[in-house]
Amino acid sequence: MRLMKKNITDIDSIISIAQDAGKAILSVYNNKNFKIQIKSDNSPITEADLISNEIITNGLKKVSSIPIVSEEAYVEYAK
């Protein structure tokens, strides 16, 4: 039963992290003046991508010690 209670708490935390990231994304896109850069692989990355990645990775680090793999974790921009 203890494990089940911990999992429910984690799920609530993860939902909260996702909601916070979603709010941040909408805030950037509603501004309509957001920055878009090009990564070294020629794919776009927006300010919203970077902000939401930070919110999600920082939030998940507080909930779990499982390593996080993220597309935006290491960003190398083309010159």
Protein backbone atom coordinates (compact mmCIF):
# COMPACT_ATOMS: atom_id res chain seq x y z
CA MET A 1 0.00 0.00 0.00
CA ARG A 2 2.87 2.36 0.74
CA LEU A 3 4.19 1.98 -2.83
CA MET A 4 0.76 2.74 -4.28
CA LYS A 5 0.46 5.95 -2.26
CA LYS A 6 3.91 7.08 -3.44
CA ASN A 7 2.97 6.42 -7.09
CA ILE A 8 -0.21 8.46 -6.75
CA THR A 9 1.78 11.36 -5.31
CA ASP A 10 4.27 11.08 -8.17
CA ILE A 11 1.47 11.09 -10.74
CA ASP A 12 -0.02 14.23 -9.19
CA SER A 13 3.43 15.85 -9.28
CA ILE A 14 3.95 14.87 -12.91
CA ILE A 15 0.53 16.25 -13.88
CA SER A 16 1.40 19.50 -12.12
CA ILE A 17 4.75 19.69 -13.97
CA ALA A 18 3.00 19.15 -17.31
CA GLN A 19 0.43 21.83 -16.50
CA ASP A 20 3.14 24.31 -15.52
CA ALA A 21 5.03 23.60 -18.75
CA GLY A 22 1.83 24.02 -20.77
CA LYS A 23 1.10 27.38 -19.16
CA ALA A 24 4.64 28.54 -19.93
CA ILE A 25 4.34 27.43 -23.56
CA LEU A 26 1.04 29.28 -24.00
CA SER A 27 2.51 32.37 -22.39
CA VAL A 28 5.35 32.42 -24.92
CA TYR A 29 3.13 31.76 -27.94
CA ASN A 30 0.47 34.25 -26.84
CA ASN A 31 3.19 36.90 -26.82
CA LYS A 32 3.54 36.38 -30.61
CA ASN A 33 7.06 37.82 -30.40
CA PHE A 34 8.85 34.62 -29.48
CA LYS A 35 12.31 33.72 -30.66
CA ILE A 36 13.05 30.85 -33.03
CA GLN A 37 16.58 29.62 -33.46
CA ILE A 38 18.06 26.86 -35.60
CA LYS A 39 19.90 23.94 -34.03
CA SER A 40 23.00 22.37 -35.56
CA ASP A 41 20.79 19.73 -37.23
CA ASN A 42 18.84 22.55 -38.95
CA SER A 43 15.70 21.94 -36.87
CA PRO A 44 13.96 24.87 -35.20
CA ILE A 45 13.90 25.46 -31.46
CA THR A 46 11.69 28.06 -29.87
CA GLU A 47 11.85 29.96 -26.63
CA ALA A 48 8.85 27.87 -25.55
CA ASP A 49 10.80 24.65 -26.20
CA LEU A 50 13.64 25.77 -23.95
CA ILE A 51 11.42 27.09 -21.16
CA SER A 52 9.17 24.03 -21.09
CA ASN A 53 12.20 21.72 -21.18
CA GLU A 54 13.63 23.48 -18.15
CA ILE A 55 10.35 23.26 -16.24
CA ILE A 56 9.87 19.59 -17.09
CA THR A 57 13.43 18.43 -16.41
CA ASN A 58 13.77 20.40 -13.17
CA GLY A 59 10.38 19.16 -12.00
CA LEU A 60 11.10 15.53 -12.82
CA LYS A 61 14.46 15.69 -11.03
CA LYS A 62 12.55 16.57 -7.86
CA VAL A 63 10.20 13.60 -8.27
CA SER A 64 12.58 10.87 -9.40
CA SER A 65 16.23 9.93 -9.68
CA ILE A 66 15.65 8.24 -13.05
CA PRO A 67 17.92 9.82 -15.69
CA ILE A 68 16.16 12.17 -18.09
CA VAL A 69 16.70 12.10 -21.83
CA SER A 70 15.46 15.22 -23.55
CA GLU A 71 15.74 16.52 -27.08
CA GLU A 72 16.57 19.97 -25.73
CA ALA A 73 18.87 18.85 -22.90
CA TYR A 74 21.95 19.56 -24.97
CA VAL A 75 21.41 22.25 -27.54
CA GLU A 76 24.07 23.10 -30.05
CA TYR A 77 23.07 25.90 -32.38
CA ALA A 78 24.28 26.28 -35.94
CA LYS A 79 26.29 29.39 -36.63
